[in-house]
Amino acid sequence: MAFNQLKETITELDEDTRAYLKYSESYLELKVFKILMRLVTTFFQTALIGSMLLLALFVMSIAVSYALGEAIGNTWYGFAIVASCFMVLAVLFYLLRKRINAPLLRFFSSHYFL
């Protein structure tokens, strides 16, 4: 009698454990999907907004270069000045790349490790 009851209890425990593992696996798949989709959507939103801002910056730099060149009296000098400013910014960003990487890592790790 006690043996049959123990056998039933062990069988129920086995079934419950299998069900728990099945649901845990499903939950983990959903969690990973949620995290990946958040990262993908964030990446594409950032890329889309960034490309629009880059296009606007390009058009504005042409306008500023042309206006600066007209003010100086030589259009080529206006473009050279604006290009020099961009080169200085590029060198500055290169020198500060470690300070720029840290916030990016924090941002993406906060989305990945919820």
Protein backbone atom coordinates (compact mmCIF):
# COMPACT_ATOMS: atom_id res chain seq x y z
CA MET A 1 0.00 0.00 0.00
CA ALA A 2 2.67 2.52 0.98
CA PHE A 3 4.75 1.45 -1.98
CA ASN A 4 1.93 2.23 -4.42
CA GLN A 5 1.39 5.63 -2.82
CA LEU A 6 5.11 6.39 -3.03
CA LYS A 7 5.10 5.29 -6.66
CA GLU A 8 2.17 7.61 -7.46
CA THR A 9 3.87 10.49 -5.66
CA ILE A 10 7.09 9.96 -7.61
CA THR A 11 5.11 9.76 -10.87
CA GLU A 12 3.32 13.03 -10.06
CA LEU A 13 6.63 14.64 -9.14
CA ASP A 14 8.11 13.52 -12.46
CA GLU A 15 5.12 14.90 -14.40
CA ASP A 16 5.24 18.19 -12.49
CA THR A 17 8.97 18.52 -13.06
CA ARG A 18 8.60 17.89 -16.80
CA ALA A 19 5.76 20.42 -17.01
CA TYR A 20 7.81 22.98 -15.09
CA LEU A 21 10.80 22.48 -17.40
CA LYS A 22 8.57 22.76 -20.48
CA TYR A 23 7.03 26.02 -19.26
CA SER A 24 10.41 27.37 -18.18
CA GLU A 25 11.78 26.68 -21.65
CA SER A 26 8.82 28.46 -23.24
CA TYR A 27 9.24 31.41 -20.89
CA LEU A 28 12.95 31.62 -21.69
CA GLU A 29 12.24 31.59 -25.43
CA LEU A 30 9.73 34.41 -25.03
CA LYS A 31 12.13 36.40 -22.85
CA VAL A 32 14.96 36.05 -25.37
CA PHE A 33 12.59 37.01 -28.22
CA LYS A 34 11.46 40.10 -26.30
CA ILE A 35 15.03 41.19 -25.62
CA LEU A 36 16.16 40.59 -29.19
CA MET A 37 13.19 42.43 -30.65
CA ARG A 38 13.80 45.38 -28.34
CA LEU A 39 17.44 45.49 -29.47
CA VAL A 40 16.52 45.16 -33.15
CA THR A 41 13.83 47.85 -33.01
CA THR A 42 16.13 50.17 -31.05
CA PHE A 43 18.88 49.62 -33.61
CA PHE A 44 16.62 50.33 -36.59
CA GLN A 45 15.04 53.37 -34.96
CA THR A 46 18.48 54.73 -34.16
CA ALA A 47 19.74 53.99 -37.67
CA LEU A 48 16.70 55.64 -39.28
CA ILE A 49 16.82 58.75 -37.11
CA GLY A 50 20.61 58.89 -37.41
CA SER A 51 20.51 58.70 -41.19
CA MET A 52 17.94 61.51 -41.35
CA LEU A 53 20.04 63.64 -39.03
CA LEU A 54 23.13 62.88 -41.09
CA LEU A 55 21.35 63.91 -44.27
CA ALA A 56 20.21 67.14 -42.60
CA LEU A 57 23.75 67.80 -41.36
CA PHE A 58 25.08 67.24 -44.88
CA VAL A 59 22.65 69.72 -46.43
CA MET A 60 23.22 72.25 -43.65
CA SER A 61 27.00 71.96 -44.01
CA ILE A 62 26.71 72.70 -47.74
CA ALA A 63 24.52 75.72 -46.97
CA VAL A 64 26.91 76.98 -44.28
CA SER A 65 29.92 76.38 -46.53
CA TYR A 66 28.34 78.30 -49.36
CA ALA A 67 27.18 81.16 -47.09
CA LEU A 68 30.60 81.36 -45.42
CA GLY A 69 32.29 81.37 -48.81
CA GLU A 70 30.04 84.18 -50.02
CA ALA A 71 30.81 86.18 -46.86
CA ILE A 72 34.56 85.69 -47.31
CA GLY A 73 34.43 86.27 -51.02
CA ASN A 74 35.75 82.85 -52.03
CA THR A 75 33.41 79.84 -52.03
CA TRP A 76 36.27 77.36 -51.92
CA TYR A 77 37.52 78.82 -48.62
CA GLY A 78 34.06 78.42 -47.11
CA PHE A 79 34.01 74.71 -47.98
CA ALA A 80 37.58 74.30 -46.71
CA ILE A 81 36.72 75.90 -43.37
CA VAL A 82 33.66 73.69 -42.85
CA ALA A 83 35.63 70.58 -43.87
CA SER A 84 38.37 71.54 -41.41
CA CYS A 85 35.77 71.85 -38.64
CA PHE A 86 34.52 68.34 -39.44
CA MET A 87 38.07 67.01 -39.38
CA VAL A 88 38.68 68.59 -35.96
CA LEU A 89 35.43 67.00 -34.70
CA ALA A 90 36.51 63.62 -36.08
CA VAL A 91 39.85 63.81 -34.27
CA LEU A 92 38.07 64.91 -31.08
CA PHE A 93 35.64 61.97 -31.31
CA TYR A 94 38.55 59.61 -31.90
CA LEU A 95 40.33 60.89 -28.80
CA LEU A 96 37.16 60.60 -26.70
CA ARG A 97 36.09 57.20 -28.08
CA LYS A 98 36.45 55.42 -24.72
CA ARG A 99 34.14 57.92 -23.04
CA ILE A 100 31.66 57.48 -25.88
CA ASN A 101 31.75 53.65 -25.72
CA ALA A 102 30.87 53.44 -22.02
CA PRO A 103 27.37 55.00 -22.30
CA LEU A 104 26.63 52.86 -25.37
CA LEU A 105 27.57 49.70 -23.49
CA ARG A 106 25.41 50.75 -20.54
CA PHE A 107 22.47 51.51 -22.84
CA PHE A 108 22.55 48.18 -24.66
CA SER A 109 23.31 46.14 -21.55
CA SER A 110 20.30 47.67 -19.81
CA HIS A 111 18.13 46.42 -22.68
CA TYR A 112 19.76 43.00 -22.92
CA PHE A 113 20.07 42.16 -19.22
CA LEU A 114 16.60 43.07 -17.96
